[in-house]
Amino acid sequence: MHRERFTTSLPLSLGEGNTPLLRSRRIGPAMGLANLFFKLESLKPTGSYKDRFA
């Protein structure tokens, strides 16, 4: 309906994707997980304060 009005602004992106990952140096090896990574969500444009494991 109003899509034509905003086509010059599309696609809209906040820089999602390619979240930086940090390998766990202590927790992973202590638990026997050689490939435990943490996603650094706080470095993304939305500024989330919640980092996650991956």
N, C-alpha and C. Protein backbone atom coordinates (compact mmCIF):
# COMPACT_ATOMS: atom_id res chain seq x y z
N MET A 1 0.82 -1.18 0.00
CA MET A 1 0.00 0.00 0.00
C MET A 1 0.87 1.25 0.00
N HIS A 2 1.67 1.44 1.03
CA HIS A 2 2.55 2.60 1.09
C HIS A 2 3.99 2.24 0.75
N ARG A 3 4.19 1.02 0.27
CA ARG A 3 5.55 0.56 -0.01
C ARG A 3 6.25 1.43 -1.03
N GLU A 4 5.54 1.87 -2.04
CA GLU A 4 6.14 2.71 -3.08
C GLU A 4 6.73 3.99 -2.50
N ARG A 5 6.15 4.47 -1.45
CA ARG A 5 6.61 5.71 -0.83
C ARG A 5 8.00 5.56 -0.22
N PHE A 6 8.34 4.35 0.22
CA PHE A 6 9.60 4.13 0.94
C PHE A 6 10.63 3.32 0.15
N THR A 7 10.39 3.04 -1.11
CA THR A 7 11.30 2.20 -1.87
C THR A 7 12.70 2.79 -1.98
N THR A 8 12.84 4.10 -1.93
CA THR A 8 14.18 4.69 -2.00
C THR A 8 14.97 4.44 -0.72
N SER A 9 14.28 4.14 0.37
CA SER A 9 14.95 3.88 1.65
C SER A 9 15.23 2.40 1.88
N LEU A 10 14.73 1.53 1.01
CA LEU A 10 14.90 0.09 1.20
C LEU A 10 16.15 -0.41 0.49
N PRO A 11 16.82 -1.42 0.91
CA PRO A 11 16.53 -2.15 2.15
C PRO A 11 17.07 -1.39 3.36
N LEU A 12 16.38 -1.51 4.44
CA LEU A 12 16.76 -0.88 5.70
C LEU A 12 17.53 -1.88 6.54
N SER A 13 18.67 -1.48 7.05
CA SER A 13 19.49 -2.39 7.85
C SER A 13 20.07 -1.66 9.05
N LEU A 14 20.13 -2.36 10.15
CA LEU A 14 20.77 -1.83 11.36
C LEU A 14 22.13 -2.46 11.58
N GLY A 15 22.66 -3.09 10.55
CA GLY A 15 23.96 -3.74 10.68
C GLY A 15 23.87 -5.12 11.30
N GLU A 16 22.70 -5.74 11.20
CA GLU A 16 22.54 -7.07 11.79
C GLU A 16 23.38 -8.09 11.04
N GLY A 17 23.67 -9.17 11.72
CA GLY A 17 24.52 -10.20 11.14
C GLY A 17 25.98 -9.96 11.48
N ASN A 18 26.80 -10.96 11.27
CA ASN A 18 28.24 -10.87 11.53
C ASN A 18 28.57 -10.42 12.95
N THR A 19 27.82 -10.92 13.92
CA THR A 19 28.08 -10.58 15.32
C THR A 19 29.46 -11.10 15.71
N PRO A 20 30.29 -10.25 16.32
CA PRO A 20 31.63 -10.69 16.72
C PRO A 20 31.56 -11.84 17.73
N LEU A 21 32.45 -12.81 17.56
CA LEU A 21 32.53 -13.95 18.47
C LEU A 21 33.87 -13.93 19.21
N LEU A 22 33.84 -14.34 20.45
CA LEU A 22 35.04 -14.41 21.27
C LEU A 22 35.14 -15.83 21.83
N ARG A 23 36.27 -16.48 21.57
CA ARG A 23 36.46 -17.85 22.06
C ARG A 23 36.66 -17.83 23.58
N SER A 24 35.98 -18.73 24.25
CA SER A 24 36.12 -18.87 25.69
C SER A 24 37.47 -19.49 26.02
N ARG A 25 38.24 -18.81 26.84
CA ARG A 25 39.56 -19.33 27.22
C ARG A 25 39.54 -20.09 28.54
N ARG A 26 38.53 -19.85 29.38
CA ARG A 26 38.48 -20.51 30.68
C ARG A 26 37.27 -21.43 30.84
N ILE A 27 36.09 -20.90 30.60
CA ILE A 27 34.87 -21.68 30.86
C ILE A 27 34.78 -22.89 29.94
N GLY A 28 35.02 -22.69 28.64
CA GLY A 28 34.95 -23.80 27.69
C GLY A 28 35.89 -24.93 28.04
N PRO A 29 37.20 -24.66 28.17
CA PRO A 29 38.13 -25.73 28.52
C PRO A 29 37.82 -26.38 29.88
N ALA A 30 37.36 -25.60 30.84
CA ALA A 30 37.03 -26.16 32.15
C ALA A 30 35.87 -27.14 32.07
N MET A 31 34.99 -26.95 31.07
CA MET A 31 33.84 -27.83 30.89
C MET A 31 34.08 -28.87 29.81
N GLY A 32 35.29 -28.91 29.27
CA GLY A 32 35.60 -29.87 28.22
C GLY A 32 35.07 -29.46 26.86
N LEU A 33 34.81 -28.16 26.67
CA LEU A 33 34.28 -27.64 25.41
C LEU A 33 35.36 -26.80 24.73
N ALA A 34 36.05 -27.40 23.78
CA ALA A 34 37.15 -26.70 23.11
C ALA A 34 36.67 -25.58 22.20
N ASN A 35 35.43 -25.66 21.73
CA ASN A 35 34.93 -24.67 20.78
C ASN A 35 33.74 -23.90 21.32
N LEU A 36 33.85 -23.37 22.52
CA LEU A 36 32.78 -22.54 23.09
C LEU A 36 33.09 -21.08 22.76
N PHE A 37 32.12 -20.40 22.17
CA PHE A 37 32.28 -19.00 21.80
C PHE A 37 31.19 -18.17 22.46
N PHE A 38 31.47 -16.90 22.67
CA PHE A 38 30.48 -15.96 23.16
C PHE A 38 30.23 -14.91 22.09
N LYS A 39 28.94 -14.60 21.88
CA LYS A 39 28.56 -13.58 20.91
C LYS A 39 28.57 -12.23 21.63
N LEU A 40 29.31 -11.29 21.10
CA LEU A 40 29.42 -9.97 21.73
C LEU A 40 28.34 -9.04 21.20
N GLU A 41 27.13 -9.25 21.70
CA GLU A 41 25.97 -8.47 21.25
C GLU A 41 26.11 -6.99 21.56
N SER A 42 26.87 -6.64 22.58
CA SER A 42 27.01 -5.24 22.97
C SER A 42 27.74 -4.41 21.92
N LEU A 43 28.41 -5.05 20.96
CA LEU A 43 29.12 -4.32 19.91
C LEU A 43 28.25 -4.06 18.69
N LYS A 44 27.00 -4.49 18.72
CA LYS A 44 26.09 -4.31 17.60
C LYS A 44 25.40 -2.95 17.70
N PRO A 45 24.84 -2.45 16.59
CA PRO A 45 24.22 -1.12 16.58
C PRO A 45 23.06 -0.95 17.56
N THR A 46 22.38 -2.03 17.91
CA THR A 46 21.26 -1.90 18.84
C THR A 46 21.73 -1.71 20.27
N GLY A 47 23.01 -1.99 20.55
CA GLY A 47 23.57 -1.75 21.87
C GLY A 47 23.07 -2.68 22.95
N SER A 48 22.69 -3.89 22.60
CA SER A 48 22.20 -4.84 23.59
C SER A 48 23.28 -5.09 24.64
N TYR A 49 22.88 -5.22 25.88
CA TYR A 49 23.82 -5.49 26.97
C TYR A 49 23.90 -6.98 27.28
N LYS A 50 23.16 -7.80 26.53
CA LYS A 50 23.08 -9.23 26.81
C LYS A 50 23.95 -10.00 25.82
N ASP A 51 25.11 -10.47 26.25
CA ASP A 51 25.94 -11.33 25.41
C ASP A 51 25.45 -12.76 25.57
N ARG A 52 25.65 -13.57 24.52
CA ARG A 52 25.15 -14.94 24.53
C ARG A 52 26.26 -15.91 24.19
N PHE A 53 26.09 -17.16 24.58
CA PHE A 53 27.04 -18.20 24.19
C PHE A 53 26.58 -18.78 22.86
N ALA A 54 27.53 -19.32 22.11
CA ALA A 54 27.19 -19.92 20.81
C ALA A 54 27.97 -21.20 20.64
